[in-house]
Amino acid sequence: MEYISILLTFAIIPSLFFLYFTRNSIAWKAFLISCFIVAGLGIVADYIGLNRGLWFFNTDAGRLLGVWLWGIPIEDFIFVIVVPTLVISSYEYIKNRGLVSKTT
């Protein structure tokens, strides 16, 4: 439960905040394609890393929900979906507030 709590606090809630305030200015097709590509690459990297022993998840003390898909905890799927969402939506939010230039 610790991993999902951290995700909720630092990624899911901020993503929802930024998405709410940028919902009218985001190019949704480009946004979804970008998130899909990054999430797909993240899952492949996690799968390879976990199966080769490059990293692991500590399953002791209830730190994970205990739901696994293809040997990857569900929290990691949430992570690779939410983090690109957070990055893109926070950039759009900052851009719309005039804090960065809109030059092309």
C-alpha atoms as a PDB file:
ATOM      1  CA  MET A   1       0.000   0.000   0.000  1.00  0.00           C
ATOM      2  CA  GLU A   2       2.977   2.310   0.452  1.00  0.00           C
ATOM      3  CA  TYR A   3       3.762   2.533  -3.283  1.00  0.00           C
ATOM      4  CA  ILE A   4       0.183   3.398  -4.255  1.00  0.00           C
ATOM      5  CA  SER A   5       0.020   6.035  -1.496  1.00  0.00           C
ATOM      6  CA  ILE A   6       3.130   7.711  -2.862  1.00  0.00           C
ATOM      7  CA  LEU A   7       1.740   7.549  -6.403  1.00  0.00           C
ATOM      8  CA  LEU A   8      -1.548   9.024  -5.261  1.00  0.00           C
ATOM      9  CA  THR A   9       0.118  11.898  -3.422  1.00  0.00           C
ATOM     10  CA  PHE A  10       2.840  12.837  -5.883  1.00  0.00           C
ATOM     11  CA  ALA A  11       1.527  11.740  -9.280  1.00  0.00           C
ATOM     12  CA  ILE A  12      -2.174  10.873  -9.533  1.00  0.00           C
ATOM     13  CA  ILE A  13      -3.640  13.881  -7.695  1.00  0.00           C
ATOM     14  CA  PRO A  14      -1.285  16.410  -9.366  1.00  0.00           C
ATOM     15  CA  SER A  15      -2.038  14.832 -12.778  1.00  0.00           C
ATOM     16  CA  LEU A  16      -5.764  15.237 -12.227  1.00  0.00           C
ATOM     17  CA  PHE A  17      -5.241  18.844 -11.127  1.00  0.00           C
ATOM     18  CA  PHE A  18      -3.217  19.761 -14.207  1.00  0.00           C
ATOM     19  CA  LEU A  19      -5.507  17.846 -16.564  1.00  0.00           C
ATOM     20  CA  TYR A  20      -8.539  19.661 -15.178  1.00  0.00           C
ATOM     21  CA  PHE A  21      -7.035  23.097 -15.775  1.00  0.00           C
ATOM     22  CA  THR A  22      -5.613  22.253 -19.211  1.00  0.00           C
ATOM     23  CA  ARG A  23      -8.493  20.170 -20.548  1.00  0.00           C
ATOM     24  CA  ASN A  24      -9.428  22.781 -23.179  1.00  0.00           C
ATOM     25  CA  SER A  25      -5.920  23.458 -24.440  1.00  0.00           C
ATOM     26  CA  ILE A  26      -4.417  19.969 -24.712  1.00  0.00           C
ATOM     27  CA  ALA A  27      -4.183  18.416 -28.164  1.00  0.00           C
ATOM     28  CA  TRP A  28      -5.827  15.207 -26.969  1.00  0.00           C
ATOM     29  CA  LYS A  29      -4.823  12.981 -29.882  1.00  0.00           C
ATOM     30  CA  ALA A  30      -1.137  13.897 -29.553  1.00  0.00           C
ATOM     31  CA  PHE A  31      -1.392  13.644 -25.773  1.00  0.00           C
ATOM     32  CA  LEU A  32      -2.867  10.129 -25.851  1.00  0.00           C
ATOM     33  CA  ILE A  33      -0.402   8.891 -28.480  1.00  0.00           C
ATOM     34  CA  SER A  34       2.529  10.278 -26.473  1.00  0.00           C
ATOM     35  CA  CYS A  35       1.306   8.710 -23.234  1.00  0.00           C
ATOM     36  CA  PHE A  36       0.690   5.378 -24.982  1.00  0.00           C
ATOM     37  CA  ILE A  37       4.219   5.307 -26.457  1.00  0.00           C
ATOM     38  CA  VAL A  38       5.923   6.228 -23.177  1.00  0.00           C
ATOM     39  CA  ALA A  39       3.779   3.813 -21.152  1.00  0.00           C
ATOM     40  CA  GLY A  40       4.467   0.996 -23.617  1.00  0.00           C
ATOM     41  CA  LEU A  41       8.199   1.587 -23.462  1.00  0.00           C
ATOM     42  CA  GLY A  42       8.037   1.756 -19.669  1.00  0.00           C
ATOM     43  CA  ILE A  43       6.242  -1.574 -19.386  1.00  0.00           C
ATOM     44  CA  VAL A  44       8.700  -3.259 -21.754  1.00  0.00           C
ATOM     45  CA  ALA A  45      11.645  -1.831 -19.785  1.00  0.00           C
ATOM     46  CA  ASP A  46      10.104  -2.981 -16.489  1.00  0.00           C
ATOM     47  CA  TYR A  47       9.452  -6.456 -17.855  1.00  0.00           C
ATOM     48  CA  ILE A  48      13.014  -6.812 -19.116  1.00  0.00           C
ATOM     49  CA  GLY A  49      14.550  -5.290 -15.979  1.00  0.00           C
ATOM     50  CA  LEU A  50      12.548  -7.466 -13.604  1.00  0.00           C
ATOM     51  CA  ASN A  51      13.126 -10.679 -15.563  1.00  0.00           C
ATOM     52  CA  ARG A  52      16.864 -10.064 -15.864  1.00  0.00           C
ATOM     53  CA  GLY A  53      17.160  -9.216 -12.188  1.00  0.00           C
ATOM     54  CA  LEU A  54      18.221  -5.618 -12.763  1.00  0.00           C
ATOM     55  CA  TRP A  55      15.707  -4.521 -10.126  1.00  0.00           C
ATOM     56  CA  PHE A  56      13.004  -6.038  -8.001  1.00  0.00           C
ATOM     57  CA  PHE A  57      10.039  -5.062  -5.864  1.00  0.00           C
ATOM     58  CA  ASN A  58      10.100  -5.705  -2.148  1.00  0.00           C
ATOM     59  CA  THR A  59       6.924  -7.659  -1.434  1.00  0.00           C
ATOM     60  CA  ASP A  60       7.408  -7.626   2.350  1.00  0.00           C
ATOM     61  CA  ALA A  61       5.299  -5.652   4.804  1.00  0.00           C
ATOM     62  CA  GLY A  62       2.408  -4.930   2.436  1.00  0.00           C
ATOM     63  CA  ARG A  63       4.175  -2.238   0.430  1.00  0.00           C
ATOM     64  CA  LEU A  64       2.421  -3.343  -2.752  1.00  0.00           C
ATOM     65  CA  LEU A  65      -1.239  -4.076  -3.415  1.00  0.00           C
ATOM     66  CA  GLY A  66      -0.325  -7.630  -4.414  1.00  0.00           C
ATOM     67  CA  VAL A  67      -1.838  -7.526  -7.908  1.00  0.00           C
ATOM     68  CA  TRP A  68       0.670  -8.559 -10.570  1.00  0.00           C
ATOM     69  CA  LEU A  69       0.351  -8.687 -14.381  1.00  0.00           C
ATOM     70  CA  TRP A  70       3.078 -10.429 -16.399  1.00  0.00           C
ATOM     71  CA  GLY A  71       5.331 -10.350 -13.342  1.00  0.00           C
ATOM     72  CA  ILE A  72       4.922  -6.577 -12.863  1.00  0.00           C
ATOM     73  CA  PRO A  73       3.016  -5.048  -9.936  1.00  0.00           C
ATOM     74  CA  ILE A  74      -0.110  -3.081 -10.877  1.00  0.00           C
ATOM     75  CA  GLU A  75       1.400   0.007  -9.262  1.00  0.00           C
ATOM     76  CA  ASP A  76       4.074   0.043 -11.946  1.00  0.00           C
ATOM     77  CA  PHE A  77       1.439   0.069 -14.686  1.00  0.00           C
ATOM     78  CA  ILE A  78      -0.170   3.021 -12.933  1.00  0.00           C
ATOM     79  CA  PHE A  79       3.228   4.717 -12.677  1.00  0.00           C
ATOM     80  CA  VAL A  80       4.039   4.449 -16.390  1.00  0.00           C
ATOM     81  CA  ILE A  81       0.610   5.839 -17.290  1.00  0.00           C
ATOM     82  CA  VAL A  82       0.433   8.638 -14.728  1.00  0.00           C
ATOM     83  CA  VAL A  83       3.967  10.044 -14.989  1.00  0.00           C
ATOM     84  CA  PRO A  84       3.768  10.966 -18.710  1.00  0.00           C
ATOM     85  CA  THR A  85       0.322  12.409 -18.001  1.00  0.00           C
ATOM     86  CA  LEU A  86       1.784  14.505 -15.190  1.00  0.00           C
ATOM     87  CA  VAL A  87       4.704  15.732 -17.289  1.00  0.00           C
ATOM     88  CA  ILE A  88       2.656  16.710 -20.334  1.00  0.00           C
ATOM     89  CA  SER A  89      -0.241  18.257 -18.418  1.00  0.00           C
ATOM     90  CA  SER A  90       2.039  20.221 -16.077  1.00  0.00           C
ATOM     91  CA  TYR A  91       3.949  21.566 -19.085  1.00  0.00           C
ATOM     92  CA  GLU A  92       0.667  22.639 -20.702  1.00  0.00           C
ATOM     93  CA  TYR A  93      -0.429  24.266 -17.455  1.00  0.00           C
ATOM     94  CA  ILE A  94       2.821  26.226 -17.132  1.00  0.00           C
ATOM     95  CA  LYS A  95       2.762  27.185 -20.819  1.00  0.00           C
ATOM     96  CA  ASN A  96      -0.844  28.413 -20.552  1.00  0.00           C
ATOM     97  CA  ARG A  97       0.038  30.560 -17.537  1.00  0.00           C
ATOM     98  CA  GLY A  98       2.719  32.328 -19.577  1.00  0.00           C
ATOM     99  CA  LEU A  99       5.612  31.044 -17.489  1.00  0.00           C
ATOM    100  CA  VAL A 100       7.418  29.671 -20.537  1.00  0.00           C
ATOM    101  CA  SER A 101       7.563  31.110 -24.025  1.00  0.00           C
ATOM    102  CA  LYS A 102       5.247  29.720 -26.688  1.00  0.00           C
ATOM    103  CA  THR A 103       7.865  29.897 -29.437  1.00  0.00           C
ATOM    104  CA  THR A 104       7.953  27.127 -31.981  1.00  0.00           C
END
